[in-house]
Structure formats: structure tokens, C-alpha cells
Amino acid sequence: MELGSRRIYTTMPSKLRSSSSLLPRILLLSLLLLLFYSLILRRPITSNIASPPPCDLFSGRWVFNPETPKPLYDETCPFHRNAWNCLRNKRDNMDVINSWRWEPNGCGLSRIDPTRFLGMMRNKNVGFVGDSLNENFLVSFLCILRVADPSAIKWKKKKAWRGAYFPKFNVTVAYHRAVLLAKYQWQARSSAEANQDGVKGTYRVDVDVPANEWINVTSFYDVLIFNSGHWWGYDKFPKETPLVFYRKGKPINPPLDILPGFELVLQNMVSYIQREVPAKTLKFWRLQSPRHFYGGDWNQNGSCLLDKPLEENQVW
């Protein structure tokens, strides 16, 4: 810089010069910190709070509530079994019976929404295999689903005992009657043989062969519900017409009593289902409910007069 005749040279202070050289470094460090924090924020936040236990729908109790909504269907449902149509046959205390509701312990169970269910099952099929417990459930289930699709029609293809097709959703729900699950057939004896020991004939049960009613249809269904139980008793197969168990085409020796035979059938059927039914199929096993006839069994003029669930100490 010039002042008058003198030339004066000035220099930038050393502190100012050093701070200007640090500025790019500070900016770079700030950018790196921003990048680091942005990566942290993108990571999923984990919590040490334990998730609630799964809801066990099978652990609960029956609760009586007169305000419980009544059934979604009435006696005009075409899928009813006439003799079992409690609404049409005017069974006593139906209002009381329909006021009971199952409440699981520690979790809620909302009422079935047939439209939502069929929407979730669109283009899929549901199959029931077993005895009348599954059949009776199916009948009520079909009547509920028909609320969402009144154009539903009866369906009895693929050896189904009964069922329905819901065209609005392209869903089939059907029942295949196989009371023992395994294949069984009647083997009559001659009159002379029957007179000797009182055995009129036997029912051959192939413990390792599924019944013809369902052996070839499992690939059709996306969901399968199995059950068996109430036919495994001496009221169905008395000593005059007993069950005789076969394995690999030969009689099992020593002969099995009815309950060990039932256990062996279950083991073989479960093994078959695991081995042969497509892995993508959702499979359920339905347990049996206790009988509740009054004044005799089902074939001894017994009646269903109860209007409340059995107590725990009444089950046996």
C-alpha cells in the first residue's frame, strides 16, 4: 500500500490466515457428521420391551350376555340340514343358547365378518374332512358366508358330502365325510360263522390308507380342517360288528382294541398328511366336543335339552 511517497507492505494476521485454512476442514467434518447421523436415523429402532404373548383362542370361558348379537342367518338358509335346523324346528330356548359367547383369556375375539373372510380367501378353497362335528360346523359356516354372497350355490364335486361355491369371490367350502379318516369297509360273515360266536361281520380298517373320500382331493384345497373321534366307540362298533385293523394289507397281530387302533390310525394319518398334502396348504386338527345328550344317547331317544355349556366338572 502506498502513502504519499512511501510504500508500505502489510501482511494478513497469522490467526486470520490459519482460520481460513481450517474452514474447508470444518465444512468437511460437518458433512461427515450429518451423513453419520442420517445413517443412524435410518436404522430400525429396536425396543427392549417384550412383545405381548400370542393369543390362545382355546383358553377361555363361555360368557352369558343377552346383548350378544343374534345369528347372521335365519331358518331359510338353503345349506341347513332339515333335521338339524334348530331355527326352523323351533327348538326351545334358542334366544338363551345364542346369548352365550366364547371369550379367550387375555385377548379379544371379534365376531366373524363374512365379507372380510371371503375377501381374504378370494380364489381359494377350504375343505373339512371328518365326522358330523365338522359337518355341523360347516353347515353353520356356509350360512354365515352366504350373507356376503347370496348367489352361493350347493357344491358336491370331488366326492364332497356337501359344500357351497361362492361365485362373487370364487371360493369353495366343502365337507368330505370320512368318520374314521382311514379307509374301512364291511366284511360280512356267513350265517354259520355268525351263529358260532355272535359276530355278524367285521369292519376292516386299513390304518395306513386314507379314506377314498379325501385321499385324492387334498391338492384342491388351500386350507384343510381334519377331525375324528365320536365314531371311535362301542356304540358305533359293538362286539357283534367290531373293527379289525390292518397294516400294509395284513391283519395286525395281536389284534388291537378300538382305542389303541384309533391312536395308530391318527399316527398314520398325520404322517400321510405331512408327507403327501402340499406344504403350502394350511392344516388344522379340530378336537372333539363332549356329547351332551339327555335321557339317552343319540340312538336311544336322547335329546339335547341343555341351554348352557357344560361345566368343567361335567365334561367326563
C-alpha atoms as a PDB file:
ATOM      1  CA  MET A   1       0.000   0.000   0.000  1.00  0.00           C
ATOM      2  CA  GLU A   2       1.347   3.459  -0.910  1.00  0.00           C
ATOM      3  CA  LEU A   3       1.057   6.530   1.365  1.00  0.00           C
ATOM      4  CA  GLY A   4       2.482   9.569  -0.246  1.00  0.00           C
ATOM      5  CA  SER A   5       5.988   8.790  -1.380  1.00  0.00           C
ATOM      6  CA  ARG A   6       6.408   5.822   0.909  1.00  0.00           C
ATOM      7  CA  ARG A   7       5.417   2.262   0.027  1.00  0.00           C
ATOM      8  CA  ILE A   8       4.246   0.260   2.984  1.00  0.00           C
ATOM      9  CA  TYR A   9       3.835  -3.526   2.797  1.00  0.00           C
ATOM     10  CA  THR A  10       1.247  -5.160   5.011  1.00  0.00           C
ATOM     11  CA  THR A  11       0.562  -8.855   5.659  1.00  0.00           C
ATOM     12  CA  MET A  12      -2.587 -10.714   6.859  1.00  0.00           C
ATOM     13  CA  PRO A  13      -2.504 -11.543  10.563  1.00  0.00           C
ATOM     14  CA  SER A  14      -1.356 -15.112  11.242  1.00  0.00           C
ATOM     15  CA  LYS A  15      -4.534 -16.050  13.201  1.00  0.00           C
ATOM     16  CA  LEU A  16      -6.766 -14.947  10.373  1.00  0.00           C
ATOM     17  CA  ARG A  17      -4.675 -16.862   7.866  1.00  0.00           C
ATOM     18  CA  SER A  18      -4.796 -20.076   9.866  1.00  0.00           C
ATOM     19  CA  SER A  19      -8.581 -19.848  10.448  1.00  0.00           C
ATOM     20  CA  SER A  20      -9.226 -19.529   6.727  1.00  0.00           C
ATOM     21  CA  SER A  21      -7.242 -22.705   6.101  1.00  0.00           C
ATOM     22  CA  LEU A  22      -9.342 -24.577   8.729  1.00  0.00           C
ATOM     23  CA  LEU A  23     -12.688 -23.624   7.200  1.00  0.00           C
ATOM     24  CA  PRO A  24     -12.734 -26.364   4.481  1.00  0.00           C
ATOM     25  CA  ARG A  25     -11.804 -28.924   7.100  1.00  0.00           C
ATOM     26  CA  ILE A  26     -14.659 -27.823   9.372  1.00  0.00           C
ATOM     27  CA  LEU A  27     -17.134 -27.995   6.488  1.00  0.00           C
ATOM     28  CA  LEU A  28     -15.932 -31.485   5.538  1.00  0.00           C
ATOM     29  CA  LEU A  29     -16.200 -32.671   9.144  1.00  0.00           C
ATOM     30  CA  SER A  30     -19.739 -31.248   9.414  1.00  0.00           C
ATOM     31  CA  LEU A  31     -20.804 -33.079   6.272  1.00  0.00           C
ATOM     32  CA  LEU A  32     -19.372 -36.330   7.584  1.00  0.00           C
ATOM     33  CA  LEU A  33     -21.238 -35.893  10.875  1.00  0.00           C
ATOM     34  CA  LEU A  34     -24.503 -35.210   9.050  1.00  0.00           C
ATOM     35  CA  LEU A  35     -24.008 -38.318   6.946  1.00  0.00           C
ATOM     36  CA  PHE A  36     -23.264 -40.380  10.056  1.00  0.00           C
ATOM     37  CA  TYR A  37     -26.400 -39.200  11.885  1.00  0.00           C
ATOM     38  CA  SER A  38     -28.575 -39.757   8.825  1.00  0.00           C
ATOM     39  CA  LEU A  39     -27.405 -43.380   8.659  1.00  0.00           C
ATOM     40  CA  ILE A  40     -28.231 -43.857  12.333  1.00  0.00           C
ATOM     41  CA  LEU A  41     -31.725 -42.444  11.897  1.00  0.00           C
ATOM     42  CA  ARG A  42     -32.382 -44.806   9.002  1.00  0.00           C
ATOM     43  CA  ARG A  43     -31.695 -47.873  11.122  1.00  0.00           C
ATOM     44  CA  PRO A  44     -34.819 -49.549  12.626  1.00  0.00           C
ATOM     45  CA  ILE A  45     -35.406 -48.643  16.226  1.00  0.00           C
ATOM     46  CA  THR A  46     -35.317 -51.671  18.448  1.00  0.00           C
ATOM     47  CA  SER A  47     -37.038 -51.785  21.779  1.00  0.00           C
ATOM     48  CA  ASN A  48     -36.249 -53.806  24.836  1.00  0.00           C
ATOM     49  CA  ILE A  49     -39.976 -54.053  25.612  1.00  0.00           C
ATOM     50  CA  ALA A  50     -41.129 -57.633  25.206  1.00  0.00           C
ATOM     51  CA  SER A  51     -43.889 -58.236  22.650  1.00  0.00           C
ATOM     52  CA  PRO A  52     -47.202 -59.433  24.064  1.00  0.00           C
ATOM     53  CA  PRO A  53     -47.682 -63.203  24.177  1.00  0.00           C
ATOM     54  CA  PRO A  54     -49.657 -64.761  21.313  1.00  0.00           C
ATOM     55  CA  CYS A  55     -53.382 -65.003  21.791  1.00  0.00           C
ATOM     56  CA  ASP A  56     -54.507 -68.516  22.765  1.00  0.00           C
ATOM     57  CA  LEU A  57     -58.054 -68.681  21.441  1.00  0.00           C
ATOM     58  CA  PHE A  58     -58.581 -72.094  23.046  1.00  0.00           C
ATOM     59  CA  SER A  59     -58.036 -70.953  26.609  1.00  0.00           C
ATOM     60  CA  GLY A  60     -61.059 -69.070  27.849  1.00  0.00           C
ATOM     61  CA  ARG A  61     -64.614 -69.376  29.069  1.00  0.00           C
ATOM     62  CA  TRP A  62     -68.219 -69.109  27.951  1.00  0.00           C
ATOM     63  CA  VAL A  63     -69.856 -65.844  28.980  1.00  0.00           C
ATOM     64  CA  PHE A  64     -73.605 -65.274  29.034  1.00  0.00           C
ATOM     65  CA  ASN A  65     -74.677 -61.934  27.624  1.00  0.00           C
ATOM     66  CA  PRO A  66     -78.284 -61.316  26.485  1.00  0.00           C
ATOM     67  CA  GLU A  67     -76.976 -58.438  24.385  1.00  0.00           C
ATOM     68  CA  THR A  68     -74.874 -60.794  22.244  1.00  0.00           C
ATOM     69  CA  PRO A  69     -75.771 -60.229  18.560  1.00  0.00           C
ATOM     70  CA  LYS A  70     -78.048 -62.894  17.187  1.00  0.00           C
ATOM     71  CA  PRO A  71     -77.002 -65.219  14.316  1.00  0.00           C
ATOM     72  CA  LEU A  72     -76.296 -63.638  10.960  1.00  0.00           C
ATOM     73  CA  TYR A  73     -78.650 -66.078   9.204  1.00  0.00           C
ATOM     74  CA  ASP A  74     -82.148 -67.480   9.731  1.00  0.00           C
ATOM     75  CA  GLU A  75     -84.011 -70.725   9.073  1.00  0.00           C
ATOM     76  CA  THR A  76     -84.275 -70.031   5.329  1.00  0.00           C
ATOM     77  CA  CYS A  77     -80.596 -70.711   4.652  1.00  0.00           C
ATOM     78  CA  PRO A  78     -80.548 -73.422   1.932  1.00  0.00           C
ATOM     79  CA  PHE A  79     -77.499 -75.149   3.416  1.00  0.00           C
ATOM     80  CA  HIS A  80     -79.297 -76.223   6.598  1.00  0.00           C
ATOM     81  CA  ARG A  81     -79.740 -79.928   7.288  1.00  0.00           C
ATOM     82  CA  ASN A  82     -83.507 -80.184   7.768  1.00  0.00           C
ATOM     83  CA  ALA A  83     -83.490 -82.457  10.817  1.00  0.00           C
ATOM     84  CA  TRP A  84     -80.794 -80.286  12.439  1.00  0.00           C
ATOM     85  CA  ASN A  85     -82.337 -76.922  11.609  1.00  0.00           C
ATOM     86  CA  CYS A  86     -82.932 -75.756  15.171  1.00  0.00           C
ATOM     87  CA  LEU A  87     -84.357 -72.444  13.982  1.00  0.00           C
ATOM     88  CA  ARG A  88     -86.958 -73.952  11.669  1.00  0.00           C
ATOM     89  CA  ASN A  89     -87.783 -76.759  14.102  1.00  0.00           C
ATOM     90  CA  LYS A  90     -88.398 -74.221  16.878  1.00  0.00           C
ATOM     91  CA  ARG A  91     -86.005 -75.629  19.411  1.00  0.00           C
ATOM     92  CA  ASP A  92     -86.722 -74.288  22.893  1.00  0.00           C
ATOM     93  CA  ASN A  93     -84.623 -71.508  24.394  1.00  0.00           C
ATOM     94  CA  MET A  94     -82.795 -70.578  21.192  1.00  0.00           C
ATOM     95  CA  ASP A  95     -82.516 -66.981  22.419  1.00  0.00           C
ATOM     96  CA  VAL A  96     -80.770 -68.228  25.545  1.00  0.00           C
ATOM     97  CA  ILE A  97     -78.466 -70.541  23.604  1.00  0.00           C
ATOM     98  CA  ASN A  98     -77.468 -67.752  21.232  1.00  0.00           C
ATOM     99  CA  SER A  99     -76.633 -65.459  24.156  1.00  0.00           C
ATOM    100  CA  TRP A 100     -73.501 -67.443  25.042  1.00  0.00           C
ATOM    101  CA  ARG A 101     -70.223 -66.120  23.723  1.00  0.00           C
ATOM    102  CA  TRP A 102     -66.710 -67.552  23.914  1.00  0.00           C
ATOM    103  CA  GLU A 103     -64.153 -65.161  25.418  1.00  0.00           C
ATOM    104  CA  PRO A 104     -60.460 -66.122  25.304  1.00  0.00           C
ATOM    105  CA  ASN A 105     -58.343 -65.269  28.314  1.00  0.00           C
ATOM    106  CA  GLY A 106     -56.360 -62.065  27.897  1.00  0.00           C
ATOM    107  CA  CYS A 107     -57.346 -61.218  24.335  1.00  0.00           C
ATOM    108  CA  GLY A 108     -60.354 -60.266  22.272  1.00  0.00           C
ATOM    109  CA  LEU A 109     -62.227 -62.354  19.728  1.00  0.00           C
ATOM    110  CA  SER A 110     -64.236 -60.265  17.310  1.00  0.00           C
ATOM    111  CA  ARG A 111     -67.303 -61.571  15.506  1.00  0.00           C
ATOM    112  CA  ILE A 112     -66.666 -63.140  12.128  1.00  0.00           C
ATOM    113  CA  ASP A 113     -67.084 -60.782   9.190  1.00  0.00           C
ATOM    114  CA  PRO A 114     -68.164 -62.968   6.231  1.00  0.00           C
ATOM    115  CA  THR A 115     -67.346 -60.322   3.630  1.00  0.00           C
ATOM    116  CA  ARG A 116     -63.866 -59.801   5.019  1.00  0.00           C
ATOM    117  CA  PHE A 117     -63.270 -63.538   5.311  1.00  0.00           C
ATOM    118  CA  LEU A 118     -64.297 -64.310   1.744  1.00  0.00           C
ATOM    119  CA  GLY A 119     -62.293 -61.331   0.539  1.00  0.00           C
ATOM    120  CA  MET A 120     -59.171 -62.711   2.222  1.00  0.00           C
ATOM    121  CA  MET A 121     -59.893 -66.174   0.797  1.00  0.00           C
ATOM    122  CA  ARG A 122     -60.631 -64.978  -2.726  1.00  0.00           C
ATOM    123  CA  ASN A 123     -59.727 -67.630  -5.354  1.00  0.00           C
ATOM    124  CA  LYS A 124     -59.027 -70.194  -2.633  1.00  0.00           C
ATOM    125  CA  ASN A 125     -60.775 -73.298  -1.305  1.00  0.00           C
ATOM    126  CA  VAL A 126     -61.450 -74.596   2.215  1.00  0.00           C
ATOM    127  CA  GLY A 127     -62.013 -78.284   2.955  1.00  0.00           C
ATOM    128  CA  PHE A 128     -63.337 -80.112   6.023  1.00  0.00           C
ATOM    129  CA  VAL A 129     -62.604 -83.823   6.499  1.00  0.00           C
ATOM    130  CA  GLY A 130     -64.011 -85.976   9.296  1.00  0.00           C
ATOM    131  CA  ASP A 131     -67.272 -86.779  11.081  1.00  0.00           C
ATOM    132  CA  SER A 132     -70.501 -84.933  11.882  1.00  0.00           C
ATOM    133  CA  LEU A 133     -68.788 -82.397  14.153  1.00  0.00           C
ATOM    134  CA  ASN A 134     -67.064 -80.965  11.112  1.00  0.00           C
ATOM    135  CA  GLU A 135     -70.249 -81.325   9.072  1.00  0.00           C
ATOM    136  CA  ASN A 136     -72.406 -79.428  11.552  1.00  0.00           C
ATOM    137  CA  PHE A 137     -69.798 -76.681  11.813  1.00  0.00           C
ATOM    138  CA  LEU A 138     -69.651 -76.486   8.030  1.00  0.00           C
ATOM    139  CA  VAL A 139     -73.417 -76.019   7.702  1.00  0.00           C
ATOM    140  CA  SER A 140     -73.420 -73.052  10.063  1.00  0.00           C
ATOM    141  CA  PHE A 141     -70.272 -71.686   8.412  1.00  0.00           C
ATOM    142  CA  LEU A 142     -71.841 -71.832   4.940  1.00  0.00           C
ATOM    143  CA  CYS A 143     -74.930 -69.979   6.164  1.00  0.00           C
ATOM    144  CA  ILE A 144     -72.724 -67.263   7.666  1.00  0.00           C
ATOM    145  CA  LEU A 145     -70.675 -66.854   4.470  1.00  0.00           C
ATOM    146  CA  ARG A 146     -73.829 -66.727   2.336  1.00  0.00           C
ATOM    147  CA  VAL A 147     -74.635 -63.367   3.976  1.00  0.00           C
ATOM    148  CA  ALA A 148     -71.737 -61.923   1.947  1.00  0.00           C
ATOM    149  CA  ASP A 149     -72.714 -63.727  -1.267  1.00  0.00           C
ATOM    150  CA  PRO A 150     -76.433 -64.631  -1.583  1.00  0.00           C
ATOM    151  CA  SER A 151     -75.698 -66.119  -5.018  1.00  0.00           C
ATOM    152  CA  ALA A 152     -73.852 -69.055  -3.391  1.00  0.00           C
ATOM    153  CA  ILE A 153     -74.831 -72.462  -4.761  1.00  0.00           C
ATOM    154  CA  LYS A 154     -74.550 -76.010  -3.447  1.00  0.00           C
ATOM    155  CA  TRP A 155     -71.355 -77.838  -4.403  1.00  0.00           C
ATOM    156  CA  LYS A 156     -70.841 -81.631  -4.180  1.00  0.00           C
ATOM    157  CA  LYS A 157     -67.985 -82.320  -6.571  1.00  0.00           C
ATOM    158  CA  LYS A 158     -64.762 -84.264  -5.898  1.00  0.00           C
ATOM    159  CA  LYS A 159     -66.629 -86.722  -3.621  1.00  0.00           C
ATOM    160  CA  ALA A 160     -67.694 -83.938  -1.258  1.00  0.00           C
ATOM    161  CA  TRP A 161     -70.594 -84.866   1.029  1.00  0.00           C
ATOM    162  CA  ARG A 162     -71.864 -81.278   0.973  1.00  0.00           C
ATOM    163  CA  GLY A 163     -70.485 -77.803   0.290  1.00  0.00           C
ATOM    164  CA  ALA A 164     -71.004 -74.454  -1.418  1.00  0.00           C
ATOM    165  CA  TYR A 165     -69.441 -72.319  -4.109  1.00  0.00           C
ATOM    166  CA  PHE A 166     -69.372 -68.529  -3.681  1.00  0.00           C
ATOM    167  CA  PRO A 167     -69.071 -67.092  -7.214  1.00  0.00           C
ATOM    168  CA  LYS A 168     -68.665 -63.489  -6.121  1.00  0.00           C
ATOM    169  CA  PHE A 169     -65.332 -64.426  -4.537  1.00  0.00           C
ATOM    170  CA  ASN A 170     -64.520 -67.652  -6.424  1.00  0.00           C
ATOM    171  CA  VAL A 171     -64.315 -69.583  -3.141  1.00  0.00           C
ATOM    172  CA  THR A 172     -65.357 -73.192  -2.493  1.00  0.00           C
ATOM    173  CA  VAL A 173     -66.027 -74.531   1.018  1.00  0.00           C
ATOM    174  CA  ALA A 174     -66.857 -78.242   1.291  1.00  0.00           C
ATOM    175  CA  TYR A 175     -67.011 -81.248   3.625  1.00  0.00           C
ATOM    176  CA  HIS A 176     -65.760 -84.773   2.905  1.00  0.00           C
ATOM    177  CA  ARG A 177     -67.295 -87.416   5.136  1.00  0.00           C
ATOM    178  CA  ALA A 178     -64.613 -89.748   6.495  1.00  0.00           C
ATOM    179  CA  VAL A 179     -65.646 -90.624  10.040  1.00  0.00           C
ATOM    180  CA  LEU A 180     -62.539 -92.734  10.799  1.00  0.00           C
ATOM    181  CA  LEU A 181     -60.251 -90.802   8.409  1.00  0.00           C
ATOM    182  CA  ALA A 182     -58.744 -94.163   7.408  1.00  0.00           C
ATOM    183  CA  LYS A 183     -60.267 -96.465   4.816  1.00  0.00           C
ATOM    184  CA  TYR A 184     -62.701 -99.003   6.240  1.00  0.00           C
ATOM    185  CA  GLN A 185     -65.143-101.470   4.719  1.00  0.00           C
ATOM    186  CA  TRP A 186     -67.697-104.055   5.827  1.00  0.00           C
ATOM    187  CA  GLN A 187     -66.791-107.734   5.660  1.00  0.00           C
ATOM    188  CA  ALA A 188     -69.825-109.955   6.170  1.00  0.00           C
ATOM    189  CA  ARG A 189     -69.639-113.431   7.629  1.00  0.00           C
ATOM    190  CA  SER A 190     -71.708-116.451   6.732  1.00  0.00           C
ATOM    191  CA  SER A 191     -74.721-117.295   8.857  1.00  0.00           C
ATOM    192  CA  ALA A 192     -72.968-120.400  10.155  1.00  0.00           C
ATOM    193  CA  GLU A 193     -69.965-118.395  11.318  1.00  0.00           C
ATOM    194  CA  ALA A 194     -72.164-115.717  12.879  1.00  0.00           C
ATOM    195  CA  ASN A 195     -74.097-118.300  14.836  1.00  0.00           C
ATOM    196  CA  GLN A 196     -70.904-119.674  16.367  1.00  0.00           C
ATOM    197  CA  ASP A 197     -69.648-116.556  18.147  1.00  0.00           C
ATOM    198  CA  GLY A 198     -72.359-113.960  17.545  1.00  0.00           C
ATOM    199  CA  VAL A 199     -70.143-111.813  15.286  1.00  0.00           C
ATOM    200  CA  LYS A 200     -72.174-110.871  12.201  1.00  0.00           C
ATOM    201  CA  GLY A 201     -69.184-109.437  10.403  1.00  0.00           C
ATOM    202  CA  THR A 202     -66.262-107.078  10.829  1.00  0.00           C
ATOM    203  CA  TYR A 203     -65.179-103.657   9.612  1.00  0.00           C
ATOM    204  CA  ARG A 204     -61.727-103.822   8.119  1.00  0.00           C
ATOM    205  CA  VAL A 205     -59.727-100.673   8.895  1.00  0.00           C
ATOM    206  CA  ASP A 206     -56.519-100.063   6.936  1.00  0.00           C
ATOM    207  CA  VAL A 207     -54.657 -97.869   9.387  1.00  0.00           C
ATOM    208  CA  ASP A 208     -52.161 -96.625   6.772  1.00  0.00           C
ATOM    209  CA  VAL A 209     -54.629 -95.875   3.942  1.00  0.00           C
ATOM    210  CA  PRO A 210     -56.745 -92.669   3.922  1.00  0.00           C
ATOM    211  CA  ALA A 211     -60.435 -92.991   3.117  1.00  0.00           C
ATOM    212  CA  ASN A 212     -61.367 -92.757  -0.566  1.00  0.00           C
ATOM    213  CA  GLU A 213     -63.480 -89.671   0.164  1.00  0.00           C
ATOM    214  CA  TRP A 214     -60.426 -87.457   0.658  1.00  0.00           C
ATOM    215  CA  ILE A 215     -57.267 -89.254  -0.462  1.00  0.00           C
ATOM    216  CA  ASN A 216     -57.192 -87.612  -3.910  1.00  0.00           C
ATOM    217  CA  VAL A 217     -58.601 -84.142  -3.212  1.00  0.00           C
ATOM    218  CA  THR A 218     -56.109 -82.533  -0.824  1.00  0.00           C
ATOM    219  CA  SER A 219     -54.288 -80.631  -3.583  1.00  0.00           C
ATOM    220  CA  PHE A 220     -57.557 -78.837  -4.442  1.00  0.00           C
ATOM    221  CA  TYR A 221     -57.758 -77.105  -1.059  1.00  0.00           C
ATOM    222  CA  ASP A 222     -55.703 -74.251   0.338  1.00  0.00           C
ATOM    223  CA  VAL A 223     -56.976 -74.892   3.886  1.00  0.00           C
ATOM    224  CA  LEU A 224     -57.882 -78.289   5.388  1.00  0.00           C
ATOM    225  CA  ILE A 225     -59.569 -78.955   8.746  1.00  0.00           C
ATOM    226  CA  PHE A 226     -59.481 -82.566   9.999  1.00  0.00           C
ATOM    227  CA  ASN A 227     -61.307 -84.251  12.867  1.00  0.00           C
ATOM    228  CA  SER A 228     -62.300 -87.665  14.151  1.00  0.00           C
ATOM    229  CA  GLY A 229     -63.339 -89.086  17.498  1.00  0.00           C
ATOM    230  CA  HIS A 230     -67.018 -89.710  18.140  1.00  0.00           C
ATOM    231  CA  TRP A 231     -67.179 -92.802  15.963  1.00  0.00           C
ATOM    232  CA  TRP A 232     -64.417 -94.493  17.925  1.00  0.00           C
ATOM    233  CA  GLY A 233     -66.669 -96.166  20.486  1.00  0.00           C
ATOM    234  CA  TYR A 234     -68.555 -99.375  21.133  1.00  0.00           C
ATOM    235  CA  ASP A 235     -71.873 -97.666  20.481  1.00  0.00           C
ATOM    236  CA  LYS A 236     -70.863 -97.383  16.808  1.00  0.00           C
ATOM    237  CA  PHE A 237     -68.955-100.648  16.557  1.00  0.00           C
ATOM    238  CA  PRO A 238     -70.288-103.130  19.155  1.00  0.00           C
ATOM    239  CA  LYS A 239     -68.860-106.602  19.676  1.00  0.00           C
ATOM    240  CA  GLU A 240     -71.242-108.048  17.069  1.00  0.00           C
ATOM    241  CA  THR A 241     -69.693-105.820  14.356  1.00  0.00           C
ATOM    242  CA  PRO A 242     -66.193-104.885  15.598  1.00  0.00           C
ATOM    243  CA  LEU A 243     -63.295-103.109  13.938  1.00  0.00           C
ATOM    244  CA  VAL A 244     -60.392-105.227  12.728  1.00  0.00           C
ATOM    245  CA  PHE A 245     -57.162-103.358  11.979  1.00  0.00           C
ATOM    246  CA  TYR A 246     -54.868-103.986   9.016  1.00  0.00           C
ATOM    247  CA  ARG A 247     -51.452-102.560   8.178  1.00  0.00           C
ATOM    248  CA  LYS A 248     -49.771-102.953   4.788  1.00  0.00           C
ATOM    249  CA  GLY A 249     -52.664-105.142   3.746  1.00  0.00           C
ATOM    250  CA  LYS A 250     -52.290-107.679   6.566  1.00  0.00           C
ATOM    251  CA  PRO A 251     -54.132-108.093   9.879  1.00  0.00           C
ATOM    252  CA  ILE A 252     -52.334-106.639  12.878  1.00  0.00           C
ATOM    253  CA  ASN A 253     -51.446-109.310  15.417  1.00  0.00           C
ATOM    254  CA  PRO A 254     -52.155-109.411  18.220  1.00  0.00           C
ATOM    255  CA  PRO A 255     -55.485-107.687  17.382  1.00  0.00           C
ATOM    256  CA  LEU A 256     -55.889-104.118  18.630  1.00  0.00           C
ATOM    257  CA  ASP A 257     -58.716-102.855  20.793  1.00  0.00           C
ATOM    258  CA  ILE A 258     -60.635 -99.851  19.495  1.00  0.00           C
ATOM    259  CA  LEU A 259     -58.746 -97.064  21.312  1.00  0.00           C
ATOM    260  CA  PRO A 260     -55.208 -98.313  20.512  1.00  0.00           C
ATOM    261  CA  GLY A 261     -56.453 -98.717  16.948  1.00  0.00           C
ATOM    262  CA  PHE A 262     -57.654 -95.114  16.968  1.00  0.00           C
ATOM    263  CA  GLU A 263     -54.241 -93.950  18.145  1.00  0.00           C
ATOM    264  CA  LEU A 264     -52.495 -95.915  15.403  1.00  0.00           C
ATOM    265  CA  VAL A 265     -54.816 -94.509  12.751  1.00  0.00           C
ATOM    266  CA  LEU A 266     -54.110 -90.961  13.928  1.00  0.00           C
ATOM    267  CA  GLN A 267     -50.359 -91.543  13.785  1.00  0.00           C
ATOM    268  CA  ASN A 268     -50.584 -92.855  10.239  1.00  0.00           C
ATOM    269  CA  MET A 269     -52.975 -90.172   9.024  1.00  0.00           C
ATOM    270  CA  VAL A 270     -50.816 -87.379  10.424  1.00  0.00           C
ATOM    271  CA  SER A 271     -47.781 -88.960   8.780  1.00  0.00           C
ATOM    272  CA  TYR A 272     -49.642 -89.164   5.459  1.00  0.00           C
ATOM    273  CA  ILE A 273     -50.814 -85.548   5.692  1.00  0.00           C
ATOM    274  CA  GLN A 274     -47.305 -84.302   6.423  1.00  0.00           C
ATOM    275  CA  ARG A 275     -45.866 -86.382   3.596  1.00  0.00           C
ATOM    276  CA  GLU A 276     -48.470 -86.044   0.837  1.00  0.00           C
ATOM    277  CA  VAL A 277     -50.501 -82.867   1.375  1.00  0.00           C
ATOM    278  CA  PRO A 278     -48.838 -79.848  -0.273  1.00  0.00           C
ATOM    279  CA  ALA A 279     -46.688 -77.821   2.105  1.00  0.00           C
ATOM    280  CA  LYS A 280     -48.483 -74.610   1.088  1.00  0.00           C
ATOM    281  CA  THR A 281     -51.782 -75.966   2.432  1.00  0.00           C
ATOM    282  CA  LEU A 282     -52.778 -74.601   5.827  1.00  0.00           C
ATOM    283  CA  LYS A 283     -53.746 -77.567   8.015  1.00  0.00           C
ATOM    284  CA  PHE A 284     -55.776 -77.689  11.225  1.00  0.00           C
ATOM    285  CA  TRP A 285     -56.758 -80.500  13.556  1.00  0.00           C
ATOM    286  CA  ARG A 286     -60.070 -79.930  15.302  1.00  0.00           C
ATOM    287  CA  LEU A 287     -60.564 -81.527  18.715  1.00  0.00           C
ATOM    288  CA  GLN A 288     -63.879 -83.110  19.622  1.00  0.00           C
ATOM    289  CA  SER A 289     -66.501 -81.590  21.866  1.00  0.00           C
ATOM    290  CA  PRO A 290     -68.212 -83.687  24.577  1.00  0.00           C
ATOM    291  CA  ARG A 291     -71.590 -85.244  23.964  1.00  0.00           C
ATOM    292  CA  HIS A 292     -74.477 -83.656  25.798  1.00  0.00           C
ATOM    293  CA  PHE A 293     -77.486 -85.893  25.260  1.00  0.00           C
ATOM    294  CA  TYR A 294     -80.103 -86.078  27.987  1.00  0.00           C
ATOM    295  CA  GLY A 295     -82.172 -89.177  28.761  1.00  0.00           C
ATOM    296  CA  GLY A 296     -80.206 -91.497  26.480  1.00  0.00           C
ATOM    297  CA  ASP A 297     -77.628 -91.485  23.714  1.00  0.00           C
ATOM    298  CA  TRP A 298     -78.236 -90.235  20.175  1.00  0.00           C
ATOM    299  CA  ASN A 299     -79.726 -93.596  19.138  1.00  0.00           C
ATOM    300  CA  GLN A 300     -81.587 -94.175  22.405  1.00  0.00           C
ATOM    301  CA  ASN A 301     -84.142 -91.360  22.275  1.00  0.00           C
ATOM    302  CA  GLY A 302     -81.674 -88.929  23.791  1.00  0.00           C
ATOM    303  CA  SER A 303     -82.394 -85.213  23.499  1.00  0.00           C
ATOM    304  CA  CYS A 304     -80.330 -82.044  23.592  1.00  0.00           C
ATOM    305  CA  LEU A 305     -82.210 -80.116  26.266  1.00  0.00           C
ATOM    306  CA  LEU A 306     -79.315 -78.102  27.680  1.00  0.00           C
ATOM    307  CA  ASP A 307     -79.306 -74.366  27.067  1.00  0.00           C
ATOM    308  CA  LYS A 308     -75.877 -73.624  28.523  1.00  0.00           C
ATOM    309  CA  PRO A 309     -72.376 -75.014  28.048  1.00  0.00           C
ATOM    310  CA  LEU A 310     -71.201 -77.925  30.182  1.00  0.00           C
ATOM    311  CA  GLU A 311     -69.246 -77.055  33.290  1.00  0.00           C
ATOM    312  CA  GLU A 312     -65.681 -78.286  33.589  1.00  0.00           C
ATOM    313  CA  ASN A 313     -66.679 -80.985  36.083  1.00  0.00           C
ATOM    314  CA  GLN A 314     -69.477 -82.221  33.753  1.00  0.00           C
ATOM    315  CA  VAL A 315     -67.341 -82.975  30.733  1.00  0.00           C
ATOM    316  CA  TRP A 316     -66.432 -86.509  31.788  1.00  0.00           C
END
